[in-house]
Structure formats: structure tokens, C-alpha cells
Protein backbone atom coordinates (compact mmCIF):
# COMPACT_ATOMS: atom_id res chain seq x y z
CA UNK A 1 73.62 -126.81 -27.86
CA UNK A 2 73.01 -123.16 -27.06
CA UNK A 3 73.05 -122.14 -23.42
CA UNK A 4 69.29 -121.54 -23.30
CA UNK A 5 68.69 -125.17 -24.25
CA UNK A 6 71.04 -126.31 -21.48
CA UNK A 7 69.11 -124.17 -19.00
CA UNK A 8 65.75 -125.48 -20.23
CA UNK A 9 66.93 -129.07 -20.11
CA UNK A 10 68.27 -128.50 -16.59
CA UNK A 11 64.91 -127.17 -15.45
CA UNK A 12 63.17 -130.07 -17.20
CA UNK A 13 65.42 -132.47 -15.30
CA UNK A 14 64.45 -130.74 -12.04
CA UNK A 15 60.71 -130.99 -12.71
CA UNK A 16 61.03 -134.61 -13.82
CA UNK A 17 63.11 -135.30 -10.71
CA UNK A 18 60.35 -133.85 -8.53
CA UNK A 19 57.82 -136.12 -10.22
CA UNK A 20 60.29 -138.98 -10.10
CA UNK A 21 60.55 -138.57 -6.33
CA UNK A 22 57.08 -140.12 -6.05
CA UNK A 23 57.48 -143.87 -5.57
CA UNK A 24 56.20 -146.12 -8.36
CA UNK A 25 54.35 -143.27 -10.13
CA UNK A 26 57.52 -141.40 -11.04
CA UNK A 27 59.70 -144.17 -12.44
CA UNK A 28 59.60 -142.92 -16.03
CA UNK A 29 60.08 -139.29 -15.00
CA UNK A 30 62.96 -140.24 -12.76
CA UNK A 31 64.69 -142.13 -15.54
CA UNK A 32 64.20 -139.17 -17.88
CA UNK A 33 65.65 -136.80 -15.29
CA UNK A 34 68.75 -138.98 -14.99
CA UNK A 35 69.02 -139.13 -18.79
CA UNK A 36 68.89 -135.32 -18.98
CA UNK A 37 71.49 -135.04 -16.22
CA UNK A 38 73.82 -137.47 -17.97
CA UNK A 39 73.51 -135.89 -21.40
CA UNK A 40 74.18 -132.37 -20.08
CA UNK A 41 77.12 -133.49 -17.95
CA UNK A 42 78.68 -135.45 -20.83
CA UNK A 43 78.20 -132.83 -23.55
CA UNK A 44 79.09 -129.76 -21.47
CA UNK A 45 81.39 -130.81 -18.62
CA UNK A 46 83.23 -127.48 -18.22
CA UNK A 47 80.61 -125.01 -19.44
CA UNK A 48 78.97 -122.67 -16.95
CA UNK A 49 75.32 -123.54 -16.38
CA UNK A 50 73.32 -121.08 -14.26
CA UNK A 51 70.72 -123.81 -13.61
CA UNK A 52 73.22 -126.46 -12.51
CA UNK A 53 71.80 -126.53 -8.97
CA UNK A 54 68.39 -127.43 -10.42
CA UNK A 55 70.02 -130.09 -12.58
CA UNK A 56 71.82 -131.64 -9.62
CA UNK A 57 68.76 -131.57 -7.37
CA UNK A 58 66.64 -133.11 -10.12
CA UNK A 59 69.11 -135.98 -10.39
CA UNK A 60 69.22 -136.44 -6.60
CA UNK A 61 65.44 -136.50 -6.31
CA UNK A 62 65.19 -138.95 -9.20
CA UNK A 63 67.70 -141.31 -7.59
CA UNK A 64 65.89 -141.15 -4.25
CA UNK A 65 62.56 -141.84 -5.95
CA UNK A 66 63.95 -144.77 -7.92
CA UNK A 67 65.53 -146.23 -4.78
CA UNK A 68 62.23 -145.82 -2.95
CA UNK A 69 60.39 -147.56 -5.76
CA UNK A 70 62.91 -150.40 -5.76
CA UNK A 71 62.53 -150.76 -2.00
CA UNK A 72 58.73 -150.88 -2.23
CA UNK A 73 58.87 -153.51 -4.97
CA UNK A 74 61.40 -155.59 -3.00
CA UNK A 75 59.26 -155.47 0.14
CA UNK A 76 56.15 -156.40 -1.86
CA UNK A 77 57.91 -159.37 -3.43
CA UNK A 78 59.37 -160.57 -0.13
CA UNK A 79 56.11 -160.20 1.77
CA UNK A 80 54.24 -162.34 -0.79
CA UNK A 81 56.67 -165.24 -0.59
């Protein structure tokens, strides 16, 4: 994968991570951000990526959004029982 594609995919992961930060609404975007993060980290572990900070923040935001969604679902299930 050429470097420009790595940069674009890193920025895509960041944008999807921002959307994925929204609870419930961003589940699919958050999963896609984590998929982008994993594929870039596995394919290019030692290659310099000028957008790596965006990639890492996209993954962090996606994880926080998914955890928030899981917490909301758990509270909704427990409050109904």
C-alpha cells in the first residue's frame, strides 16, 4: 500500500472514530475505525506514518464510544429487569 493510502486510511479511521464516539449511533463507525487501525498496524508495523497520531486517536475515540454504548445497553437491560 502506498504511503498516501496509509495516510488516507489513518484520517478515515480518525473521522470514523469521532463518529464512533457517539454512543449507540456510532457503533458501526467505531468498529470500522478499529478495523482500519488494526489493518494499518498489522500491514505496516515499522513504517513511518505522518498521520499516526490521527490513527491512534481515532482508535481511542472508537473504543471509548463502544464502551459507552455497551454501558448504556447494560444499564437499559438491568433497569428493565
